[in-house]
Amino acid sequence: MPKQVTCISALIALVVLAVAGAWAQTGKSSLEGIWVGVSMEMDGEQADAALAKRMRFKFEGDVLIIAGNFSDESQAKCSFRLNETASPKHLDFTPEDEKKPLVGIYERNGRNLKLCIRQGRSDKGRPMEFITTKDSDLVLMDLVLQMN
């Protein structure tokens, strides 16, 4: 009986360590997965709920694929960079057909991701808080990690 208890205890310890390791991910792997839109605000106005729910941000290795931002079913493939030491954390991404990166901030809380991104046409620089106002050229999105 003591051997069984020891084996079960060891298995439980391994599972706890694996789960803790998954929650403690840093760098690009901390955003790995498909994030689905919940709500969106642009320039101080709430966006249509259907538009927000179409949004998909798929982080996969060094690539970000954005879907739902277009009238058709096309996707934008982007390179991206994170700065986790900044406060708030920085996210910059550049679609393949663009030369200038879109700059933003992000905050992950478990399965929830908040993004505030300056629109590409703007030269106002990186947002510093999760809020939009009229003519701010900012998009604020709340997303949730899609479970498989």
C-alpha atoms as a PDB file:
ATOM      1  CA  MET A   1       0.000   0.000   0.000  1.00  0.00           C
ATOM      2  CA  PRO A   2       2.747   2.581   0.772  1.00  0.00           C
ATOM      3  CA  LYS A   3       4.251   2.107  -2.724  1.00  0.00           C
ATOM      4  CA  GLN A   4       0.878   2.940  -4.311  1.00  0.00           C
ATOM      5  CA  VAL A   5       0.544   6.067  -2.196  1.00  0.00           C
ATOM      6  CA  THR A   6       4.085   7.134  -3.152  1.00  0.00           C
ATOM      7  CA  CYS A   7       3.362   6.591  -6.880  1.00  0.00           C
ATOM      8  CA  ILE A   8       0.077   8.496  -6.676  1.00  0.00           C
ATOM      9  CA  SER A   9       1.774  11.340  -4.780  1.00  0.00           C
ATOM     10  CA  ALA A  10       4.533  11.489  -7.408  1.00  0.00           C
ATOM     11  CA  LEU A  11       1.961  11.594 -10.241  1.00  0.00           C
ATOM     12  CA  ILE A  12       0.001  14.351  -8.519  1.00  0.00           C
ATOM     13  CA  ALA A  13       3.225  16.338  -8.040  1.00  0.00           C
ATOM     14  CA  LEU A  14       4.083  15.958 -11.744  1.00  0.00           C
ATOM     15  CA  VAL A  15       0.607  17.122 -12.806  1.00  0.00           C
ATOM     16  CA  VAL A  16       0.796  20.143 -10.478  1.00  0.00           C
ATOM     17  CA  LEU A  17       4.231  21.066 -11.866  1.00  0.00           C
ATOM     18  CA  ALA A  18       3.012  20.722 -15.458  1.00  0.00           C
ATOM     19  CA  VAL A  19      -0.033  22.925 -14.808  1.00  0.00           C
ATOM     20  CA  ALA A  20       2.073  25.518 -12.972  1.00  0.00           C
ATOM     21  CA  GLY A  21       4.534  25.538 -15.870  1.00  0.00           C
ATOM     22  CA  ALA A  22       1.719  26.159 -18.371  1.00  0.00           C
ATOM     23  CA  TRP A  23       0.421  29.127 -16.352  1.00  0.00           C
ATOM     24  CA  ALA A  24       3.923  30.553 -15.936  1.00  0.00           C
ATOM     25  CA  GLN A  25       4.701  30.685 -19.642  1.00  0.00           C
ATOM     26  CA  THR A  26       6.500  33.779 -20.779  1.00  0.00           C
ATOM     27  CA  GLY A  27       7.420  35.246 -24.121  1.00  0.00           C
ATOM     28  CA  LYS A  28       5.565  34.415 -27.292  1.00  0.00           C
ATOM     29  CA  SER A  29       4.415  31.071 -25.905  1.00  0.00           C
ATOM     30  CA  SER A  30       2.364  32.925 -23.268  1.00  0.00           C
ATOM     31  CA  LEU A  31      -0.067  33.987 -26.010  1.00  0.00           C
ATOM     32  CA  GLU A  32       0.018  30.739 -28.010  1.00  0.00           C
ATOM     33  CA  GLY A  33      -3.421  29.675 -29.224  1.00  0.00           C
ATOM     34  CA  ILE A  34      -6.546  31.121 -30.787  1.00  0.00           C
ATOM     35  CA  TRP A  35      -8.123  34.120 -29.078  1.00  0.00           C
ATOM     36  CA  VAL A  36     -11.768  34.863 -29.940  1.00  0.00           C
ATOM     37  CA  GLY A  37     -13.330  38.322 -29.719  1.00  0.00           C
ATOM     38  CA  VAL A  38     -15.803  39.080 -26.939  1.00  0.00           C
ATOM     39  CA  SER A  39     -16.133  42.857 -27.191  1.00  0.00           C
ATOM     40  CA  MET A  40     -14.526  45.716 -29.088  1.00  0.00           C
ATOM     41  CA  GLU A  41     -14.452  49.504 -28.841  1.00  0.00           C
ATOM     42  CA  MET A  42     -13.111  51.924 -31.462  1.00  0.00           C
ATOM     43  CA  ASP A  43     -12.458  55.632 -30.897  1.00  0.00           C
ATOM     44  CA  GLY A  44     -14.600  55.670 -27.767  1.00  0.00           C
ATOM     45  CA  GLU A  45     -17.593  53.871 -29.277  1.00  0.00           C
ATOM     46  CA  GLN A  46     -18.683  50.300 -28.676  1.00  0.00           C
ATOM     47  CA  ALA A  47     -18.402  48.216 -31.854  1.00  0.00           C
ATOM     48  CA  ASP A  48     -21.161  45.936 -33.058  1.00  0.00           C
ATOM     49  CA  ALA A  49     -21.141  42.699 -31.032  1.00  0.00           C
ATOM     50  CA  ALA A  50     -21.193  40.572 -34.195  1.00  0.00           C
ATOM     51  CA  LEU A  51     -18.033  42.287 -35.462  1.00  0.00           C
ATOM     52  CA  ALA A  52     -16.245  41.701 -32.163  1.00  0.00           C
ATOM     53  CA  LYS A  53     -17.188  38.012 -32.149  1.00  0.00           C
ATOM     54  CA  ARG A  54     -15.797  37.524 -35.679  1.00  0.00           C
ATOM     55  CA  MET A  55     -12.314  38.592 -34.574  1.00  0.00           C
ATOM     56  CA  ARG A  56      -9.663  35.882 -34.190  1.00  0.00           C
ATOM     57  CA  PHE A  57      -6.053  36.344 -33.138  1.00  0.00           C
ATOM     58  CA  LYS A  58      -4.039  33.153 -33.604  1.00  0.00           C
ATOM     59  CA  PHE A  59      -0.558  33.234 -32.082  1.00  0.00           C
ATOM     60  CA  GLU A  60       1.551  30.383 -33.388  1.00  0.00           C
ATOM     61  CA  GLY A  61       5.315  30.476 -32.812  1.00  0.00           C
ATOM     62  CA  ASP A  62       6.621  33.694 -34.381  1.00  0.00           C
ATOM     63  CA  VAL A  63       3.459  34.322 -36.415  1.00  0.00           C
ATOM     64  CA  LEU A  64       0.196  36.080 -35.633  1.00  0.00           C
ATOM     65  CA  ILE A  65      -2.752  35.416 -37.937  1.00  0.00           C
ATOM     66  CA  ILE A  66      -5.659  37.846 -37.688  1.00  0.00           C
ATOM     67  CA  ALA A  67      -9.065  36.844 -39.061  1.00  0.00           C
ATOM     68  CA  GLY A  68     -12.474  38.494 -38.972  1.00  0.00           C
ATOM     69  CA  ASN A  69     -11.183  41.999 -39.608  1.00  0.00           C
ATOM     70  CA  PHE A  70     -12.215  41.976 -43.250  1.00  0.00           C
ATOM     71  CA  SER A  71     -15.531  41.819 -45.132  1.00  0.00           C
ATOM     72  CA  ASP A  72     -14.425  38.577 -46.777  1.00  0.00           C
ATOM     73  CA  GLU A  73     -12.857  35.557 -45.088  1.00  0.00           C
ATOM     74  CA  SER A  74      -9.264  36.676 -45.731  1.00  0.00           C
ATOM     75  CA  GLN A  75      -6.620  36.607 -43.030  1.00  0.00           C
ATOM     76  CA  ALA A  76      -3.624  38.797 -42.277  1.00  0.00           C
ATOM     77  CA  LYS A  77      -0.376  37.025 -41.500  1.00  0.00           C
ATOM     78  CA  CYS A  78       1.877  39.121 -39.264  1.00  0.00           C
ATOM     79  CA  SER A  79       5.222  39.000 -37.550  1.00  0.00           C
ATOM     80  CA  PHE A  80       4.998  40.205 -33.954  1.00  0.00           C
ATOM     81  CA  ARG A  81       7.126  41.304 -31.012  1.00  0.00           C
ATOM     82  CA  LEU A  82       6.394  41.407 -27.306  1.00  0.00           C
ATOM     83  CA  ASN A  83       7.958  43.434 -24.539  1.00  0.00           C
ATOM     84  CA  GLU A  84       6.875  41.831 -21.280  1.00  0.00           C
ATOM     85  CA  THR A  85       9.078  44.027 -19.130  1.00  0.00           C
ATOM     86  CA  ALA A  86       7.216  47.198 -20.116  1.00  0.00           C
ATOM     87  CA  SER A  87       4.223  48.315 -18.093  1.00  0.00           C
ATOM     88  CA  PRO A  88       1.764  47.849 -19.629  1.00  0.00           C
ATOM     89  CA  LYS A  89       3.190  45.028 -21.762  1.00  0.00           C
ATOM     90  CA  HIS A  90       3.831  45.894 -25.421  1.00  0.00           C
ATOM     91  CA  LEU A  91       2.624  44.055 -28.523  1.00  0.00           C
ATOM     92  CA  ASP A  92       3.748  45.204 -31.969  1.00  0.00           C
ATOM     93  CA  PHE A  93       2.736  43.384 -35.135  1.00  0.00           C
ATOM     94  CA  THR A  94       3.344  43.972 -38.812  1.00  0.00           C
ATOM     95  CA  PRO A  95       1.075  42.497 -41.506  1.00  0.00           C
ATOM     96  CA  GLU A  96       3.027  41.037 -44.452  1.00  0.00           C
ATOM     97  CA  ASP A  97       1.877  43.771 -46.841  1.00  0.00           C
ATOM     98  CA  GLU A  98       2.715  46.628 -44.449  1.00  0.00           C
ATOM     99  CA  LYS A  99       6.030  48.311 -43.695  1.00  0.00           C
ATOM    100  CA  LYS A 100       5.027  50.024 -40.461  1.00  0.00           C
ATOM    101  CA  PRO A 101       4.113  47.972 -37.363  1.00  0.00           C
ATOM    102  CA  LEU A 102       0.887  48.496 -35.481  1.00  0.00           C
ATOM    103  CA  VAL A 103       1.740  49.271 -31.865  1.00  0.00           C
ATOM    104  CA  GLY A 104      -0.258  48.314 -28.836  1.00  0.00           C
ATOM    105  CA  ILE A 105      -0.408  47.053 -25.300  1.00  0.00           C
ATOM    106  CA  TYR A 106      -1.776  43.851 -23.872  1.00  0.00           C
ATOM    107  CA  GLU A 107      -2.784  42.244 -20.619  1.00  0.00           C
ATOM    108  CA  ARG A 108      -3.405  38.545 -20.114  1.00  0.00           C
ATOM    109  CA  ASN A 109      -5.438  37.324 -17.175  1.00  0.00           C
ATOM    110  CA  GLY A 110      -5.841  33.539 -17.385  1.00  0.00           C
ATOM    111  CA  ARG A 111      -8.005  32.795 -20.425  1.00  0.00           C
ATOM    112  CA  ASN A 112      -8.723  36.498 -21.046  1.00  0.00           C
ATOM    113  CA  LEU A 113      -6.673  38.832 -23.219  1.00  0.00           C
ATOM    114  CA  LYS A 114      -7.108  42.588 -23.464  1.00  0.00           C
ATOM    115  CA  LEU A 115      -5.523  44.439 -26.398  1.00  0.00           C
ATOM    116  CA  CYS A 116      -5.379  48.153 -27.111  1.00  0.00           C
ATOM    117  CA  ILE A 117      -3.940  48.838 -30.557  1.00  0.00           C
ATOM    118  CA  ARG A 118      -3.231  52.075 -32.381  1.00  0.00           C
ATOM    119  CA  GLN A 119      -4.680  51.959 -35.902  1.00  0.00           C
ATOM    120  CA  GLY A 120      -2.097  51.733 -38.678  1.00  0.00           C
ATOM    121  CA  ARG A 121      -2.964  55.053 -40.293  1.00  0.00           C
ATOM    122  CA  SER A 122      -2.109  56.934 -37.092  1.00  0.00           C
ATOM    123  CA  ASP A 123       1.200  58.471 -36.055  1.00  0.00           C
ATOM    124  CA  LYS A 124       0.130  59.075 -32.433  1.00  0.00           C
ATOM    125  CA  GLY A 125       2.342  56.305 -31.016  1.00  0.00           C
ATOM    126  CA  ARG A 126       1.736  53.522 -28.552  1.00  0.00           C
ATOM    127  CA  PRO A 127      -1.295  53.643 -26.253  1.00  0.00           C
ATOM    128  CA  MET A 128      -0.421  53.716 -22.559  1.00  0.00           C
ATOM    129  CA  GLU A 129      -3.752  52.639 -21.077  1.00  0.00           C
ATOM    130  CA  PHE A 130      -6.695  50.397 -21.972  1.00  0.00           C
ATOM    131  CA  ILE A 131      -9.122  53.129 -22.989  1.00  0.00           C
ATOM    132  CA  THR A 132     -10.260  54.723 -26.233  1.00  0.00           C
ATOM    133  CA  THR A 133     -11.660  58.183 -26.829  1.00  0.00           C
ATOM    134  CA  LYS A 134     -13.082  60.017 -29.815  1.00  0.00           C
ATOM    135  CA  ASP A 135     -10.433  60.435 -32.535  1.00  0.00           C
ATOM    136  CA  SER A 136      -7.835  58.468 -30.542  1.00  0.00           C
ATOM    137  CA  ASP A 137      -7.218  56.029 -33.434  1.00  0.00           C
ATOM    138  CA  LEU A 138      -7.384  53.223 -30.856  1.00  0.00           C
ATOM    139  CA  VAL A 139      -9.083  49.843 -30.892  1.00  0.00           C
ATOM    140  CA  LEU A 140      -9.709  48.092 -27.583  1.00  0.00           C
ATOM    141  CA  MET A 141     -10.533  44.379 -27.697  1.00  0.00           C
ATOM    142  CA  ASP A 142     -11.395  41.790 -25.111  1.00  0.00           C
ATOM    143  CA  LEU A 143     -10.718  38.235 -26.259  1.00  0.00           C
ATOM    144  CA  VAL A 144     -10.970  34.788 -24.696  1.00  0.00           C
ATOM    145  CA  LEU A 145      -8.749  31.788 -25.327  1.00  0.00           C
ATOM    146  CA  GLN A 146     -10.597  29.225 -27.426  1.00  0.00           C
ATOM    147  CA  MET A 147     -10.701  25.830 -25.755  1.00  0.00           C
ATOM    148  CA  ASN A 148     -10.262  22.786 -27.981  1.00  0.00           C
END
